[in-house]
């Protein structure tokens, strides 16, 4: 679509949001975030749209996507690796099309413009993040993102989750969460999924089996 026509459309009427659309299923929504499970099929372009929220995409199936930008330029992303993360600012205008035989799949988090308090860390505990073995792969004014695989020989000490977070599971495995008060809870990851976890948990964690691995997105607000 010519850039002049895109500019005219923007003046005449608002563009639609990126979601919902074919190939995008809503997983979760609250006052802070909307989580979409999105695939980009080869040769099936999306409508021209405007991202009304900043967003974060976590790749769970590698693939390539071509983006047609509002200024008339195009961009083809490299084949995204499992667990790779891309942040997009609010206001991005484009349309997209899968260009690889295997469609790229990602969990896309739309970050609403809300403010949530960050809790104080209780005495005797440490923040949940950072921790040994966790890699900080992205941080800005909205989120902190960690890449973390549980190690069989390392138990996570007593810690407090002071921020709401989204966990995008990348591997299959089990861990045990041991609260300061109460019975232990076994958490099992069965493959690719995205789960919202509210702040407030105070517990230890230990590896049980498999290869539990996740991208953890902490919400700063």
C-alpha atoms as a PDB file:
ATOM      1  CA  UNK A   1       0.000   0.000   0.000  1.00  0.00           C
ATOM      2  CA  UNK A   2       1.509   3.391  -1.001  1.00  0.00           C
ATOM      3  CA  UNK A   3       2.650   5.596   1.861  1.00  0.00           C
ATOM      4  CA  UNK A   4       0.460   8.519   0.710  1.00  0.00           C
ATOM      5  CA  UNK A   5      -2.611   6.288   0.921  1.00  0.00           C
ATOM      6  CA  UNK A   6      -1.646   5.101   4.401  1.00  0.00           C
ATOM      7  CA  UNK A   7      -1.262   8.713   5.556  1.00  0.00           C
ATOM      8  CA  UNK A   8      -4.671   9.557   4.097  1.00  0.00           C
ATOM      9  CA  UNK A   9      -6.281   6.606   5.887  1.00  0.00           C
ATOM     10  CA  UNK A  10      -4.763   7.737   9.173  1.00  0.00           C
ATOM     11  CA  UNK A  11      -6.303  11.200   8.702  1.00  0.00           C
ATOM     12  CA  UNK A  12      -9.728   9.927   7.673  1.00  0.00           C
ATOM     13  CA  UNK A  13     -10.318   7.241  10.288  1.00  0.00           C
ATOM     14  CA  UNK A  14      -8.512   5.316  13.020  1.00  0.00           C
ATOM     15  CA  UNK A  15      -6.921   2.060  11.975  1.00  0.00           C
ATOM     16  CA  UNK A  16      -8.056  -1.172  13.638  1.00  0.00           C
ATOM     17  CA  UNK A  17      -5.979  -2.677  16.465  1.00  0.00           C
ATOM     18  CA  UNK A  18      -3.765  -5.693  15.707  1.00  0.00           C
ATOM     19  CA  UNK A  19      -5.989  -8.091  17.648  1.00  0.00           C
ATOM     20  CA  UNK A  20      -8.303  -9.930  17.543  1.00  0.00           C
ATOM     21  CA  UNK A  21      -7.634 -11.423  14.115  1.00  0.00           C
ATOM     22  CA  UNK A  22      -7.282 -14.804  12.395  1.00  0.00           C
ATOM     23  CA  UNK A  23      -4.377 -16.692  13.908  1.00  0.00           C
ATOM     24  CA  UNK A  24      -4.527 -14.830  17.233  1.00  0.00           C
ATOM     25  CA  UNK A  25      -6.229 -16.324  20.287  1.00  0.00           C
ATOM     26  CA  UNK A  26      -6.677 -14.417  23.520  1.00  0.00           C
ATOM     27  CA  UNK A  27      -5.147 -16.293  26.463  1.00  0.00           C
ATOM     28  CA  UNK A  28      -5.688 -13.821  29.302  1.00  0.00           C
ATOM     29  CA  UNK A  29      -6.739 -10.263  30.086  1.00  0.00           C
ATOM     30  CA  UNK A  30      -6.849  -8.055  33.175  1.00  0.00           C
ATOM     31  CA  UNK A  31      -6.383  -4.349  33.883  1.00  0.00           C
ATOM     32  CA  UNK A  32      -2.631  -4.561  33.174  1.00  0.00           C
ATOM     33  CA  UNK A  33      -2.058  -6.867  30.231  1.00  0.00           C
ATOM     34  CA  UNK A  34      -3.648  -8.818  27.370  1.00  0.00           C
ATOM     35  CA  UNK A  35      -1.910 -12.045  26.327  1.00  0.00           C
ATOM     36  CA  UNK A  36      -2.369 -13.358  22.765  1.00  0.00           C
ATOM     37  CA  UNK A  37      -1.195 -16.650  21.250  1.00  0.00           C
ATOM     38  CA  UNK A  38      -0.298 -15.550  17.714  1.00  0.00           C
ATOM     39  CA  UNK A  39       0.802 -17.339  14.536  1.00  0.00           C
ATOM     40  CA  UNK A  40       1.837 -15.748  11.228  1.00  0.00           C
ATOM     41  CA  UNK A  41       0.938 -18.107   8.378  1.00  0.00           C
ATOM     42  CA  UNK A  42       2.885 -17.907   5.121  1.00  0.00           C
ATOM     43  CA  UNK A  43       1.178 -15.829   2.459  1.00  0.00           C
ATOM     44  CA  UNK A  44      -1.646 -14.595   4.687  1.00  0.00           C
ATOM     45  CA  UNK A  45      -1.125 -10.845   5.304  1.00  0.00           C
ATOM     46  CA  UNK A  46      -2.826  -9.137   8.211  1.00  0.00           C
ATOM     47  CA  UNK A  47      -4.867  -5.955   7.715  1.00  0.00           C
ATOM     48  CA  UNK A  48      -3.099  -2.648   8.148  1.00  0.00           C
ATOM     49  CA  UNK A  49      -3.326  -1.903  11.878  1.00  0.00           C
ATOM     50  CA  UNK A  50      -2.076   0.331  14.668  1.00  0.00           C
ATOM     51  CA  UNK A  51      -0.678  -0.927  17.965  1.00  0.00           C
ATOM     52  CA  UNK A  52      -2.478   1.071  20.650  1.00  0.00           C
ATOM     53  CA  UNK A  53      -0.394  -0.445  23.427  1.00  0.00           C
ATOM     54  CA  UNK A  54       3.298  -1.147  23.768  1.00  0.00           C
ATOM     55  CA  UNK A  55       3.802  -4.877  23.269  1.00  0.00           C
ATOM     56  CA  UNK A  56       6.264  -7.659  23.961  1.00  0.00           C
ATOM     57  CA  UNK A  57       6.483 -10.821  21.842  1.00  0.00           C
ATOM     58  CA  UNK A  58       8.093 -14.047  23.088  1.00  0.00           C
ATOM     59  CA  UNK A  59       8.817 -16.535  20.301  1.00  0.00           C
ATOM     60  CA  UNK A  60       7.873 -20.170  20.939  1.00  0.00           C
ATOM     61  CA  UNK A  61       8.142 -21.408  17.335  1.00  0.00           C
ATOM     62  CA  UNK A  62      10.825 -19.935  15.050  1.00  0.00           C
ATOM     63  CA  UNK A  63       9.740 -18.389  11.770  1.00  0.00           C
ATOM     64  CA  UNK A  64      10.095 -15.284   9.608  1.00  0.00           C
ATOM     65  CA  UNK A  65       7.636 -12.410   9.330  1.00  0.00           C
ATOM     66  CA  UNK A  66       7.646  -9.560   6.785  1.00  0.00           C
ATOM     67  CA  UNK A  67       6.417  -6.202   8.060  1.00  0.00           C
ATOM     68  CA  UNK A  68       5.079  -3.487   5.730  1.00  0.00           C
ATOM     69  CA  UNK A  69       5.587  -0.176   7.530  1.00  0.00           C
ATOM     70  CA  UNK A  70       3.536   3.006   7.233  1.00  0.00           C
ATOM     71  CA  UNK A  71       6.444   4.908   5.635  1.00  0.00           C
ATOM     72  CA  UNK A  72       6.419   2.522   2.664  1.00  0.00           C
ATOM     73  CA  UNK A  73       9.435   0.461   3.717  1.00  0.00           C
ATOM     74  CA  UNK A  74       9.452  -3.258   4.442  1.00  0.00           C
ATOM     75  CA  UNK A  75      11.367  -5.328   6.944  1.00  0.00           C
ATOM     76  CA  UNK A  76      11.878  -9.083   7.130  1.00  0.00           C
ATOM     77  CA  UNK A  77      12.787 -10.446  10.531  1.00  0.00           C
ATOM     78  CA  UNK A  78      15.372 -13.156  10.878  1.00  0.00           C
ATOM     79  CA  UNK A  79      14.171 -16.593  11.917  1.00  0.00           C
ATOM     80  CA  UNK A  80      13.478 -15.928  15.570  1.00  0.00           C
ATOM     81  CA  UNK A  81      15.010 -18.365  18.016  1.00  0.00           C
ATOM     82  CA  UNK A  82      13.012 -20.125  20.694  1.00  0.00           C
ATOM     83  CA  UNK A  83      12.616 -17.707  23.594  1.00  0.00           C
ATOM     84  CA  UNK A  84      13.696 -14.581  21.699  1.00  0.00           C
ATOM     85  CA  UNK A  85      11.959 -11.385  22.798  1.00  0.00           C
ATOM     86  CA  UNK A  86      10.929  -8.290  20.803  1.00  0.00           C
ATOM     87  CA  UNK A  87       9.528  -5.075  22.284  1.00  0.00           C
ATOM     88  CA  UNK A  88       7.419  -2.656  20.203  1.00  0.00           C
ATOM     89  CA  UNK A  89       6.458   0.868  21.173  1.00  0.00           C
ATOM     90  CA  UNK A  90       2.888   2.059  21.225  1.00  0.00           C
ATOM     91  CA  UNK A  91       1.737   3.614  17.931  1.00  0.00           C
ATOM     92  CA  UNK A  92       3.433   1.218  15.493  1.00  0.00           C
ATOM     93  CA  UNK A  93       1.494   1.119  12.184  1.00  0.00           C
ATOM     94  CA  UNK A  94       2.070  -1.774   9.784  1.00  0.00           C
ATOM     95  CA  UNK A  95       0.746  -4.985   8.336  1.00  0.00           C
ATOM     96  CA  UNK A  96       2.483  -8.343   8.598  1.00  0.00           C
ATOM     97  CA  UNK A  97       2.822 -11.552   6.634  1.00  0.00           C
ATOM     98  CA  UNK A  98       4.487 -14.857   7.401  1.00  0.00           C
ATOM     99  CA  UNK A  99       7.196 -15.719   4.860  1.00  0.00           C
ATOM    100  CA  UNK A 100       8.567 -19.014   6.232  1.00  0.00           C
ATOM    101  CA  UNK A 101       7.086 -22.457   5.589  1.00  0.00           C
ATOM    102  CA  UNK A 102       6.839 -23.059   9.327  1.00  0.00           C
ATOM    103  CA  UNK A 103       4.772 -20.177  10.732  1.00  0.00           C
ATOM    104  CA  UNK A 104       6.276 -18.130  13.503  1.00  0.00           C
ATOM    105  CA  UNK A 105       4.337 -18.457  16.763  1.00  0.00           C
ATOM    106  CA  UNK A 106       4.698 -16.136  19.736  1.00  0.00           C
ATOM    107  CA  UNK A 107       2.917 -15.031  22.868  1.00  0.00           C
ATOM    108  CA  UNK A 108       2.286 -11.309  22.442  1.00  0.00           C
ATOM    109  CA  UNK A 109       1.728  -9.251  25.593  1.00  0.00           C
ATOM    110  CA  UNK A 110      -0.122  -5.968  25.142  1.00  0.00           C
ATOM    111  CA  UNK A 111       0.907  -3.724  28.032  1.00  0.00           C
ATOM    112  CA  UNK A 112      -1.936  -1.493  29.200  1.00  0.00           C
ATOM    113  CA  UNK A 113      -1.221   1.954  30.604  1.00  0.00           C
ATOM    114  CA  UNK A 114      -2.044   1.241  34.219  1.00  0.00           C
ATOM    115  CA  UNK A 115      -0.109   1.552  37.440  1.00  0.00           C
ATOM    116  CA  UNK A 116       0.237  -1.227  40.018  1.00  0.00           C
ATOM    117  CA  UNK A 117       2.144  -0.847  43.292  1.00  0.00           C
ATOM    118  CA  UNK A 118       5.386  -2.726  43.861  1.00  0.00           C
ATOM    119  CA  UNK A 119       5.443  -4.518  47.205  1.00  0.00           C
ATOM    120  CA  UNK A 120       8.128  -4.191  49.862  1.00  0.00           C
ATOM    121  CA  UNK A 121      10.326  -7.258  50.419  1.00  0.00           C
ATOM    122  CA  UNK A 122       9.521  -9.004  53.748  1.00  0.00           C
ATOM    123  CA  UNK A 123      12.242  -9.408  56.334  1.00  0.00           C
ATOM    124  CA  UNK A 124      14.314 -12.542  55.807  1.00  0.00           C
ATOM    125  CA  UNK A 125      13.563 -12.797  52.080  1.00  0.00           C
ATOM    126  CA  UNK A 126      15.206 -11.551  48.900  1.00  0.00           C
ATOM    127  CA  UNK A 127      13.542 -10.403  45.649  1.00  0.00           C
ATOM    128  CA  UNK A 128      12.541 -13.202  43.291  1.00  0.00           C
ATOM    129  CA  UNK A 129      14.727 -11.652  40.573  1.00  0.00           C
ATOM    130  CA  UNK A 130      17.601 -11.444  39.883  1.00  0.00           C
ATOM    131  CA  UNK A 131      18.774 -14.892  40.898  1.00  0.00           C
ATOM    132  CA  UNK A 132      21.592 -17.288  40.090  1.00  0.00           C
ATOM    133  CA  UNK A 133      21.329 -18.582  36.523  1.00  0.00           C
ATOM    134  CA  UNK A 134      18.837 -15.919  35.364  1.00  0.00           C
ATOM    135  CA  UNK A 135      19.811 -13.737  32.399  1.00  0.00           C
ATOM    136  CA  UNK A 136      18.350 -10.243  32.108  1.00  0.00           C
ATOM    137  CA  UNK A 137      17.522  -9.990  28.392  1.00  0.00           C
ATOM    138  CA  UNK A 138      15.468  -6.784  28.291  1.00  0.00           C
ATOM    139  CA  UNK A 139      14.536  -3.925  30.590  1.00  0.00           C
ATOM    140  CA  UNK A 140      12.728  -0.626  30.089  1.00  0.00           C
ATOM    141  CA  UNK A 141      10.245   1.561  31.959  1.00  0.00           C
ATOM    142  CA  UNK A 142       7.460  -1.031  31.573  1.00  0.00           C
ATOM    143  CA  UNK A 143       9.028  -4.480  32.049  1.00  0.00           C
ATOM    144  CA  UNK A 144      12.011  -6.514  33.195  1.00  0.00           C
ATOM    145  CA  UNK A 145      12.516  -9.757  31.246  1.00  0.00           C
ATOM    146  CA  UNK A 146      14.477 -12.781  32.460  1.00  0.00           C
ATOM    147  CA  UNK A 147      15.532 -15.990  30.686  1.00  0.00           C
ATOM    148  CA  UNK A 148      15.748 -18.739  33.297  1.00  0.00           C
ATOM    149  CA  UNK A 149      16.242 -22.509  33.257  1.00  0.00           C
ATOM    150  CA  UNK A 150      16.009 -24.403  36.552  1.00  0.00           C
ATOM    151  CA  UNK A 151      19.185 -26.277  37.446  1.00  0.00           C
ATOM    152  CA  UNK A 152      18.979 -29.740  38.989  1.00  0.00           C
ATOM    153  CA  UNK A 153      21.745 -28.933  41.470  1.00  0.00           C
ATOM    154  CA  UNK A 154      20.480 -25.539  42.621  1.00  0.00           C
ATOM    155  CA  UNK A 155      17.616 -24.773  45.015  1.00  0.00           C
ATOM    156  CA  UNK A 156      16.222 -21.229  44.967  1.00  0.00           C
ATOM    157  CA  UNK A 157      16.275 -19.662  48.461  1.00  0.00           C
ATOM    158  CA  UNK A 158      13.332 -17.991  50.174  1.00  0.00           C
ATOM    159  CA  UNK A 159      12.253 -15.075  47.996  1.00  0.00           C
ATOM    160  CA  UNK A 160       9.353 -12.682  47.474  1.00  0.00           C
ATOM    161  CA  UNK A 161       7.589 -11.804  44.220  1.00  0.00           C
ATOM    162  CA  UNK A 162       7.187  -8.049  44.558  1.00  0.00           C
ATOM    163  CA  UNK A 163       5.877  -7.518  40.999  1.00  0.00           C
ATOM    164  CA  UNK A 164       3.140  -9.115  38.900  1.00  0.00           C
ATOM    165  CA  UNK A 165       4.658 -11.325  36.202  1.00  0.00           C
ATOM    166  CA  UNK A 166       3.908 -13.398  33.131  1.00  0.00           C
ATOM    167  CA  UNK A 167       5.687 -16.730  32.785  1.00  0.00           C
ATOM    168  CA  UNK A 168       6.100 -18.071  29.243  1.00  0.00           C
ATOM    169  CA  UNK A 169       7.067 -21.740  29.535  1.00  0.00           C
ATOM    170  CA  UNK A 170       9.549 -23.068  26.989  1.00  0.00           C
ATOM    171  CA  UNK A 171      10.375 -26.515  28.373  1.00  0.00           C
ATOM    172  CA  UNK A 172       8.692 -29.510  29.973  1.00  0.00           C
ATOM    173  CA  UNK A 173       9.421 -30.241  33.610  1.00  0.00           C
ATOM    174  CA  UNK A 174       8.406 -29.955  37.252  1.00  0.00           C
ATOM    175  CA  UNK A 175       9.449 -27.778  40.178  1.00  0.00           C
ATOM    176  CA  UNK A 176       8.323 -27.676  43.806  1.00  0.00           C
ATOM    177  CA  UNK A 177       7.361 -24.377  45.452  1.00  0.00           C
ATOM    178  CA  UNK A 178       7.717 -24.425  49.241  1.00  0.00           C
ATOM    179  CA  UNK A 179       5.927 -21.519  50.981  1.00  0.00           C
ATOM    180  CA  UNK A 180       7.037 -20.135  54.320  1.00  0.00           C
ATOM    181  CA  UNK A 181       3.704 -21.295  55.733  1.00  0.00           C
ATOM    182  CA  UNK A 182       1.614 -24.035  54.184  1.00  0.00           C
ATOM    183  CA  UNK A 183       2.066 -27.151  52.091  1.00  0.00           C
ATOM    184  CA  UNK A 184       4.468 -27.446  49.148  1.00  0.00           C
ATOM    185  CA  UNK A 185       2.993 -27.051  45.658  1.00  0.00           C
ATOM    186  CA  UNK A 186       4.242 -28.927  42.589  1.00  0.00           C
ATOM    187  CA  UNK A 187       4.201 -26.840  39.411  1.00  0.00           C
ATOM    188  CA  UNK A 188       4.345 -28.747  36.127  1.00  0.00           C
ATOM    189  CA  UNK A 189       5.139 -27.208  32.749  1.00  0.00           C
ATOM    190  CA  UNK A 190       3.759 -29.269  29.861  1.00  0.00           C
ATOM    191  CA  UNK A 191       4.990 -27.139  26.977  1.00  0.00           C
ATOM    192  CA  UNK A 192       4.408 -23.714  25.513  1.00  0.00           C
ATOM    193  CA  UNK A 193       2.004 -21.603  27.545  1.00  0.00           C
ATOM    194  CA  UNK A 194       1.779 -18.141  29.087  1.00  0.00           C
ATOM    195  CA  UNK A 195       0.454 -17.620  32.621  1.00  0.00           C
ATOM    196  CA  UNK A 196      -0.131 -14.428  34.614  1.00  0.00           C
ATOM    197  CA  UNK A 197       1.122 -14.706  38.215  1.00  0.00           C
ATOM    198  CA  UNK A 198       0.091 -11.961  40.683  1.00  0.00           C
ATOM    199  CA  UNK A 199       2.676 -10.550  43.043  1.00  0.00           C
ATOM    200  CA  UNK A 200       2.753 -11.613  46.688  1.00  0.00           C
ATOM    201  CA  UNK A 201       4.193 -15.149  46.703  1.00  0.00           C
ATOM    202  CA  UNK A 202       6.780 -15.885  49.425  1.00  0.00           C
ATOM    203  CA  UNK A 203       8.428 -19.265  48.933  1.00  0.00           C
ATOM    204  CA  UNK A 204      11.452 -21.365  48.044  1.00  0.00           C
ATOM    205  CA  UNK A 205      11.730 -23.369  44.820  1.00  0.00           C
ATOM    206  CA  UNK A 206      13.492 -26.594  43.926  1.00  0.00           C
ATOM    207  CA  UNK A 207      13.956 -28.655  40.777  1.00  0.00           C
ATOM    208  CA  UNK A 208      12.121 -31.984  40.467  1.00  0.00           C
ATOM    209  CA  UNK A 209      12.422 -33.310  36.904  1.00  0.00           C
ATOM    210  CA  UNK A 210      12.592 -32.519  33.192  1.00  0.00           C
ATOM    211  CA  UNK A 211      13.870 -29.286  31.714  1.00  0.00           C
ATOM    212  CA  UNK A 212      11.797 -26.436  33.164  1.00  0.00           C
ATOM    213  CA  UNK A 213      12.732 -23.269  31.285  1.00  0.00           C
ATOM    214  CA  UNK A 214      10.852 -19.976  30.990  1.00  0.00           C
ATOM    215  CA  UNK A 215      10.900 -16.370  29.911  1.00  0.00           C
ATOM    216  CA  UNK A 216       9.695 -14.340  32.910  1.00  0.00           C
ATOM    217  CA  UNK A 217       8.233 -10.884  32.260  1.00  0.00           C
ATOM    218  CA  UNK A 218       7.968  -8.682  35.360  1.00  0.00           C
ATOM    219  CA  UNK A 219       5.535  -5.770  35.072  1.00  0.00           C
ATOM    220  CA  UNK A 220       6.926  -2.531  36.470  1.00  0.00           C
ATOM    221  CA  UNK A 221       3.500  -0.921  36.385  1.00  0.00           C
END
